[in-house]
Amino acid sequence: MTQSNGLTVRQHEREVIDLDLEFVVCDEHQEQVRYSSMSGAVGQHAARGRILDVSSGGMGMQLAQFIPRMCEGMIRVFNPKPVGTKSDGSAIYEVMFETRARVLRITMEDHTPTYAIGVAYCDPSPDIEQKIEMLHQYSRTSEVDTVGETRCQDA
């Protein structure tokens, strides 16, 4: 985002998308963020949620856990189709998009809690546009699946 007359403006147009993701706090920011086992997070430094929108500069996410502004982490987006099954019967999902990002905006949407988090990619790869188009294709195909198959589990 850039500054113009004191206002923050987006540099890239965002498109609506709906896929599962995981945000893993980077090592150098882990002292800022530590989730308890009662928080519903997948680990002390990892949370899962949904993508709300995406562009070549960043994405909007929805998580049940708070992540402070300027915190950096790895975003992993999962293919909605399972690639296998674990011995306990839970599905295995493949990571199809991964990049480092910095939290720029966070708002509490409701008191369940649910947070809307806006991130900007840190040093996006040159093929970011192709990766985002792939996310859109998978998002469109997952819309026709049953609800149970589109959520990531033990990835």
C-alpha atoms as a PDB file:
ATOM      1  CA  MET A   1       0.000   0.000   0.000  1.00  0.00           C
ATOM      2  CA  THR A   2       1.182   3.538  -0.674  1.00  0.00           C
ATOM      3  CA  GLN A   3       0.504   6.818   1.064  1.00  0.00           C
ATOM      4  CA  SER A   4      -1.320   9.576  -0.833  1.00  0.00           C
ATOM      5  CA  ASN A   5      -2.407  12.723   1.032  1.00  0.00           C
ATOM      6  CA  GLY A   6      -2.345  10.811   4.305  1.00  0.00           C
ATOM      7  CA  LEU A   7      -4.575   8.017   2.961  1.00  0.00           C
ATOM      8  CA  THR A   8      -3.474   4.432   2.481  1.00  0.00           C
ATOM      9  CA  VAL A   9      -4.313   3.211  -1.012  1.00  0.00           C
ATOM     10  CA  ARG A  10      -4.013  -0.247  -2.507  1.00  0.00           C
ATOM     11  CA  GLN A  11      -1.515  -0.747  -5.297  1.00  0.00           C
ATOM     12  CA  HIS A  12      -3.206  -3.878  -6.658  1.00  0.00           C
ATOM     13  CA  GLU A  13      -6.822  -4.792  -7.334  1.00  0.00           C
ATOM     14  CA  ARG A  14      -8.029  -7.655  -5.133  1.00  0.00           C
ATOM     15  CA  GLU A  15     -10.372 -10.428  -6.203  1.00  0.00           C
ATOM     16  CA  VAL A  16     -12.670 -12.466  -3.944  1.00  0.00           C
ATOM     17  CA  ILE A  17     -11.521 -16.019  -3.272  1.00  0.00           C
ATOM     18  CA  ASP A  18     -12.353 -18.720  -0.714  1.00  0.00           C
ATOM     19  CA  LEU A  19      -9.705 -21.303   0.169  1.00  0.00           C
ATOM     20  CA  ASP A  20      -8.162 -22.716   3.353  1.00  0.00           C
ATOM     21  CA  LEU A  21      -4.865 -21.320   4.582  1.00  0.00           C
ATOM     22  CA  GLU A  22      -2.402 -21.531   7.410  1.00  0.00           C
ATOM     23  CA  PHE A  23      -0.368 -18.626   8.826  1.00  0.00           C
ATOM     24  CA  VAL A  24       2.853 -19.711  10.568  1.00  0.00           C
ATOM     25  CA  VAL A  25       4.645 -16.951  12.467  1.00  0.00           C
ATOM     26  CA  CYS A  26       8.306 -16.598  11.385  1.00  0.00           C
ATOM     27  CA  ASP A  27      11.012 -17.406  13.937  1.00  0.00           C
ATOM     28  CA  GLU A  28      12.054 -13.791  14.519  1.00  0.00           C
ATOM     29  CA  HIS A  29       8.456 -12.801  15.405  1.00  0.00           C
ATOM     30  CA  GLN A  30       7.542 -15.789  17.584  1.00  0.00           C
ATOM     31  CA  GLU A  31       8.134 -13.910  20.847  1.00  0.00           C
ATOM     32  CA  GLN A  32       5.222 -11.616  19.869  1.00  0.00           C
ATOM     33  CA  VAL A  33       2.789 -14.456  19.211  1.00  0.00           C
ATOM     34  CA  ARG A  34       2.221 -17.600  21.240  1.00  0.00           C
ATOM     35  CA  TYR A  35      -1.151 -19.341  21.186  1.00  0.00           C
ATOM     36  CA  SER A  36      -2.300 -21.507  24.083  1.00  0.00           C
ATOM     37  CA  SER A  37      -3.579 -25.021  23.530  1.00  0.00           C
ATOM     38  CA  MET A  38      -7.068 -23.715  24.450  1.00  0.00           C
ATOM     39  CA  SER A  39      -7.076 -21.109  21.624  1.00  0.00           C
ATOM     40  CA  GLY A  40      -8.058 -23.495  18.844  1.00  0.00           C
ATOM     41  CA  ALA A  41      -4.837 -22.726  16.949  1.00  0.00           C
ATOM     42  CA  VAL A  42      -2.965 -25.610  15.324  1.00  0.00           C
ATOM     43  CA  GLY A  43       0.212 -24.834  17.280  1.00  0.00           C
ATOM     44  CA  GLN A  44       1.884 -22.217  19.451  1.00  0.00           C
ATOM     45  CA  HIS A  45       2.810 -20.173  16.377  1.00  0.00           C
ATOM     46  CA  ALA A  46       0.335 -21.282  13.689  1.00  0.00           C
ATOM     47  CA  ALA A  47      -3.310 -20.527  12.928  1.00  0.00           C
ATOM     48  CA  ARG A  48      -5.660 -21.721  10.192  1.00  0.00           C
ATOM     49  CA  GLY A  49      -8.375 -19.769   8.447  1.00  0.00           C
ATOM     50  CA  ARG A  50      -9.732 -18.689   5.058  1.00  0.00           C
ATOM     51  CA  ILE A  51      -8.617 -16.398   2.259  1.00  0.00           C
ATOM     52  CA  LEU A  52     -11.103 -13.562   1.692  1.00  0.00           C
ATOM     53  CA  ASP A  53      -9.440 -11.853  -1.272  1.00  0.00           C
ATOM     54  CA  VAL A  54      -6.127 -11.938  -3.120  1.00  0.00           C
ATOM     55  CA  SER A  55      -3.967  -9.800  -5.405  1.00  0.00           C
ATOM     56  CA  SER A  56      -0.391  -9.817  -6.655  1.00  0.00           C
ATOM     57  CA  GLY A  57       0.562  -7.572  -3.699  1.00  0.00           C
ATOM     58  CA  GLY A  58      -1.190  -9.287  -0.788  1.00  0.00           C
ATOM     59  CA  MET A  59      -4.317 -10.947   0.517  1.00  0.00           C
ATOM     60  CA  GLY A  60      -7.111 -10.644   3.011  1.00  0.00           C
ATOM     61  CA  MET A  61      -7.503 -13.490   5.492  1.00  0.00           C
ATOM     62  CA  GLN A  62     -10.040 -14.476   8.117  1.00  0.00           C
ATOM     63  CA  LEU A  63      -8.678 -16.132  11.279  1.00  0.00           C
ATOM     64  CA  ALA A  64      -9.983 -16.921  14.746  1.00  0.00           C
ATOM     65  CA  GLN A  65      -6.622 -15.906  16.269  1.00  0.00           C
ATOM     66  CA  PHE A  66      -5.154 -12.405  16.598  1.00  0.00           C
ATOM     67  CA  ILE A  67      -1.902 -11.585  14.792  1.00  0.00           C
ATOM     68  CA  PRO A  68      -0.305  -8.192  15.569  1.00  0.00           C
ATOM     69  CA  ARG A  69       0.495  -5.588  12.905  1.00  0.00           C
ATOM     70  CA  MET A  70       3.943  -5.875  11.301  1.00  0.00           C
ATOM     71  CA  CYS A  71       4.238  -9.540  12.342  1.00  0.00           C
ATOM     72  CA  GLU A  72       5.647 -11.691   9.534  1.00  0.00           C
ATOM     73  CA  GLY A  73       4.853 -15.278   8.744  1.00  0.00           C
ATOM     74  CA  MET A  74       4.547 -17.920   6.054  1.00  0.00           C
ATOM     75  CA  ILE A  75       1.168 -18.222   4.386  1.00  0.00           C
ATOM     76  CA  ARG A  76       0.329 -21.675   3.100  1.00  0.00           C
ATOM     77  CA  VAL A  77      -2.751 -22.212   0.960  1.00  0.00           C
ATOM     78  CA  PHE A  78      -4.034 -25.773   0.659  1.00  0.00           C
ATOM     79  CA  ASN A  79      -5.415 -27.563  -2.373  1.00  0.00           C
ATOM     80  CA  PRO A  80      -9.089 -28.272  -1.560  1.00  0.00           C
ATOM     81  CA  LYS A  81      -8.780 -31.843  -2.877  1.00  0.00           C
ATOM     82  CA  PRO A  82      -7.178 -34.299  -0.410  1.00  0.00           C
ATOM     83  CA  VAL A  83      -4.122 -36.188  -1.703  1.00  0.00           C
ATOM     84  CA  GLY A  84      -4.403 -39.026   0.777  1.00  0.00           C
ATOM     85  CA  THR A  85      -5.496 -40.182   4.189  1.00  0.00           C
ATOM     86  CA  LYS A  86      -3.581 -40.561   7.456  1.00  0.00           C
ATOM     87  CA  SER A  87      -3.765 -43.749   9.508  1.00  0.00           C
ATOM     88  CA  ASP A  88      -6.374 -42.109  11.779  1.00  0.00           C
ATOM     89  CA  GLY A  89      -8.629 -41.457   8.771  1.00  0.00           C
ATOM     90  CA  SER A  90      -8.046 -37.691   8.535  1.00  0.00           C
ATOM     91  CA  ALA A  91      -7.392 -36.184   5.117  1.00  0.00           C
ATOM     92  CA  ILE A  92      -3.978 -34.989   3.911  1.00  0.00           C
ATOM     93  CA  TYR A  93      -3.959 -31.757   1.903  1.00  0.00           C
ATOM     94  CA  GLU A  94      -1.167 -30.498  -0.335  1.00  0.00           C
ATOM     95  CA  VAL A  95       0.249 -26.958  -0.044  1.00  0.00           C
ATOM     96  CA  MET A  96      -0.239 -25.274  -3.445  1.00  0.00           C
ATOM     97  CA  PHE A  97       0.838 -21.699  -2.578  1.00  0.00           C
ATOM     98  CA  GLU A  98       3.376 -20.524  -0.028  1.00  0.00           C
ATOM     99  CA  THR A  99       4.892 -17.109   0.556  1.00  0.00           C
ATOM    100  CA  ARG A 100       6.136 -14.875   3.357  1.00  0.00           C
ATOM    101  CA  ALA A 101       3.867 -11.957   4.280  1.00  0.00           C
ATOM    102  CA  ARG A 102       3.639  -9.050   6.739  1.00  0.00           C
ATOM    103  CA  VAL A 103       0.427  -8.119   8.591  1.00  0.00           C
ATOM    104  CA  LEU A 104      -0.595  -4.546   7.714  1.00  0.00           C
ATOM    105  CA  ARG A 105      -4.196  -4.399   8.928  1.00  0.00           C
ATOM    106  CA  ILE A 106      -6.294  -6.274  11.463  1.00  0.00           C
ATOM    107  CA  THR A 107      -9.878  -5.740  12.584  1.00  0.00           C
ATOM    108  CA  MET A 108     -12.143  -7.794  14.793  1.00  0.00           C
ATOM    109  CA  GLU A 109     -15.224  -8.729  12.783  1.00  0.00           C
ATOM    110  CA  ASP A 110     -17.230 -10.262  15.610  1.00  0.00           C
ATOM    111  CA  HIS A 111     -16.821 -11.576  19.126  1.00  0.00           C
ATOM    112  CA  THR A 112     -16.548 -15.301  18.318  1.00  0.00           C
ATOM    113  CA  PRO A 113     -13.640 -14.076  17.782  1.00  0.00           C
ATOM    114  CA  THR A 114     -13.093 -13.564  14.068  1.00  0.00           C
ATOM    115  CA  TYR A 115     -10.379 -11.290  12.705  1.00  0.00           C
ATOM    116  CA  ALA A 116     -10.040  -9.851   9.196  1.00  0.00           C
ATOM    117  CA  ILE A 117      -6.323  -9.564   8.501  1.00  0.00           C
ATOM    118  CA  GLY A 118      -4.706  -7.823   5.545  1.00  0.00           C
ATOM    119  CA  VAL A 119      -1.181  -8.836   4.579  1.00  0.00           C
ATOM    120  CA  ALA A 120       1.377  -7.743   2.001  1.00  0.00           C
ATOM    121  CA  TYR A 121       3.776 -10.271   0.485  1.00  0.00           C
ATOM    122  CA  CYS A 122       7.446  -9.888   1.391  1.00  0.00           C
ATOM    123  CA  ASP A 123       9.500 -10.188  -1.820  1.00  0.00           C
ATOM    124  CA  PRO A 124       6.890 -11.920  -4.015  1.00  0.00           C
ATOM    125  CA  SER A 125       8.220 -14.293  -6.672  1.00  0.00           C
ATOM    126  CA  PRO A 126       8.183 -13.186 -10.329  1.00  0.00           C
ATOM    127  CA  ASP A 127       5.501 -15.792 -11.133  1.00  0.00           C
ATOM    128  CA  ILE A 128       3.064 -14.496  -8.482  1.00  0.00           C
ATOM    129  CA  GLU A 129       0.368 -13.683 -11.080  1.00  0.00           C
ATOM    130  CA  GLN A 130       0.353 -17.298 -12.352  1.00  0.00           C
ATOM    131  CA  LYS A 131       0.155 -18.638  -8.784  1.00  0.00           C
ATOM    132  CA  ILE A 132      -2.789 -16.361  -8.000  1.00  0.00           C
ATOM    133  CA  GLU A 133      -4.599 -17.451 -11.156  1.00  0.00           C
ATOM    134  CA  MET A 134      -4.078 -21.067 -10.043  1.00  0.00           C
ATOM    135  CA  LEU A 135      -5.664 -20.175  -6.666  1.00  0.00           C
ATOM    136  CA  HIS A 136      -8.678 -18.708  -8.490  1.00  0.00           C
ATOM    137  CA  GLN A 137      -9.057 -21.882 -10.565  1.00  0.00           C
ATOM    138  CA  TYR A 138      -8.982 -24.098  -7.469  1.00  0.00           C
ATOM    139  CA  SER A 139     -11.366 -21.783  -5.626  1.00  0.00           C
ATOM    140  CA  ARG A 140     -13.888 -22.013  -8.473  1.00  0.00           C
ATOM    141  CA  THR A 141     -13.683 -25.826  -8.583  1.00  0.00           C
ATOM    142  CA  SER A 142     -13.979 -26.169  -4.786  1.00  0.00           C
ATOM    143  CA  GLU A 143     -17.262 -24.217  -4.843  1.00  0.00           C
ATOM    144  CA  VAL A 144     -18.979 -27.176  -6.489  1.00  0.00           C
ATOM    145  CA  ASP A 145     -17.637 -29.698  -3.936  1.00  0.00           C
ATOM    146  CA  THR A 146     -19.448 -30.641  -0.782  1.00  0.00           C
ATOM    147  CA  VAL A 147     -18.675 -28.421   2.206  1.00  0.00           C
ATOM    148  CA  GLY A 148     -16.864 -31.150   4.139  1.00  0.00           C
ATOM    149  CA  GLU A 149     -14.283 -31.666   1.403  1.00  0.00           C
ATOM    150  CA  THR A 150     -13.282 -28.022   1.023  1.00  0.00           C
ATOM    151  CA  ARG A 151     -11.988 -27.449   4.580  1.00  0.00           C
ATOM    152  CA  CYS A 152      -8.371 -28.239   5.385  1.00  0.00           C
ATOM    153  CA  GLN A 153      -7.688 -30.669   8.161  1.00  0.00           C
ATOM    154  CA  ASP A 154      -4.389 -32.146   9.434  1.00  0.00           C
ATOM    155  CA  ALA A 155      -2.303 -30.832   6.533  1.00  0.00           C
END
